[in-house]
C-alpha atoms as a PDB file:
ATOM      1  CA  UNK A   1     -13.029  20.321  26.530  1.00  0.00           C
ATOM      2  CA  UNK A   2     -11.230  17.691  28.609  1.00  0.00           C
ATOM      3  CA  UNK A   3     -11.646  15.194  25.799  1.00  0.00           C
ATOM      4  CA  UNK A   4      -9.107  17.179  23.759  1.00  0.00           C
ATOM      5  CA  UNK A   5      -6.437  16.090  26.228  1.00  0.00           C
ATOM      6  CA  UNK A   6      -6.977  12.537  24.940  1.00  0.00           C
ATOM      7  CA  UNK A   7      -7.846  13.184  21.303  1.00  0.00           C
ATOM      8  CA  UNK A   8      -4.944  15.442  20.344  1.00  0.00           C
ATOM      9  CA  UNK A   9      -2.184  13.020  21.454  1.00  0.00           C
ATOM     10  CA  UNK A  10      -4.063  10.127  19.850  1.00  0.00           C
ATOM     11  CA  UNK A  11      -4.345  12.033  16.569  1.00  0.00           C
ATOM     12  CA  UNK A  12      -0.659  12.926  16.672  1.00  0.00           C
ATOM     13  CA  UNK A  13       0.254   9.319  17.442  1.00  0.00           C
ATOM     14  CA  UNK A  14      -1.830   7.972  14.562  1.00  0.00           C
ATOM     15  CA  UNK A  15      -0.394  10.581  12.220  1.00  0.00           C
ATOM     16  CA  UNK A  16       3.154   9.650  13.201  1.00  0.00           C
ATOM     17  CA  UNK A  17       2.363   5.947  12.797  1.00  0.00           C
ATOM     18  CA  UNK A  18       1.072   6.625   9.279  1.00  0.00           C
ATOM     19  CA  UNK A  19       4.147   8.687   8.469  1.00  0.00           C
ATOM     20  CA  UNK A  20       6.496   5.968   9.716  1.00  0.00           C
ATOM     21  CA  UNK A  21       4.547   3.359   7.745  1.00  0.00           C
ATOM     22  CA  UNK A  22       4.875   5.428   4.586  1.00  0.00           C
ATOM     23  CA  UNK A  23       8.588   6.005   5.141  1.00  0.00           C
ATOM     24  CA  UNK A  24       9.079   2.276   5.768  1.00  0.00           C
ATOM     25  CA  UNK A  25       7.282   1.494   2.490  1.00  0.00           C
ATOM     26  CA  UNK A  26       9.544   3.927   0.643  1.00  0.00           C
ATOM     27  CA  UNK A  27      12.670   2.455   2.209  1.00  0.00           C
ATOM     28  CA  UNK A  28      11.666  -1.142   1.504  1.00  0.00           C
ATOM     29  CA  UNK A  29      11.070  -0.404  -2.195  1.00  0.00           C
ATOM     30  CA  UNK A  30       7.296  -0.737  -2.388  1.00  0.00           C
ATOM     31  CA  UNK A  31       7.034   2.098  -4.924  1.00  0.00           C
ATOM     32  CA  UNK A  32      10.004   1.247  -7.171  1.00  0.00           C
ATOM     33  CA  UNK A  33       8.030  -0.551  -9.893  1.00  0.00           C
ATOM     34  CA  UNK A  34       4.915   1.505 -10.512  1.00  0.00           C
ATOM     35  CA  UNK A  35       4.442   0.307 -14.117  1.00  0.00           C
ATOM     36  CA  UNK A  36       4.984  -3.401 -13.407  1.00  0.00           C
ATOM     37  CA  UNK A  37       1.654  -4.074 -11.726  1.00  0.00           C
ATOM     38  CA  UNK A  38      -0.252  -2.271 -14.466  1.00  0.00           C
ATOM     39  CA  UNK A  39       1.443  -4.334 -17.161  1.00  0.00           C
ATOM     40  CA  UNK A  40       1.161  -7.594 -15.215  1.00  0.00           C
ATOM     41  CA  UNK A  41      -2.629  -7.258 -15.236  1.00  0.00           C
ATOM     42  CA  UNK A  42      -2.631  -7.248 -19.023  1.00  0.00           C
ATOM     43  CA  UNK A  43      -0.492 -10.365 -19.471  1.00  0.00           C
ATOM     44  CA  UNK A  44      -2.169 -13.752 -19.764  1.00  0.00           C
ATOM     45  CA  UNK A  45       0.790 -15.943 -18.879  1.00  0.00           C
ATOM     46  CA  UNK A  46      -1.082 -17.762 -16.123  1.00  0.00           C
ATOM     47  CA  UNK A  47      -4.012 -18.823 -18.338  1.00  0.00           C
ATOM     48  CA  UNK A  48      -3.680 -22.337 -19.667  1.00  0.00           C
ATOM     49  CA  UNK A  49      -4.886 -22.880 -23.228  1.00  0.00           C
ATOM     50  CA  UNK A  50      -8.106 -24.864 -23.521  1.00  0.00           C
ATOM     51  CA  UNK A  51      -8.667 -27.681 -25.988  1.00  0.00           C
ATOM     52  CA  UNK A  52     -11.330 -27.211 -28.614  1.00  0.00           C
ATOM     53  CA  UNK A  53     -13.929 -29.961 -28.801  1.00  0.00           C
END
């Protein structure tokens, strides 16, 4: 039962750290372009054309 004295504050601390990390990601604009990454995967701009032999 004494272990709860350590585990509960640690769980609250980790939860708050995750919440602050998520809020920081929102504030810094990490989720502004949700379609861009999906469309960037489909483009082949970085592939150089090969010569036929």
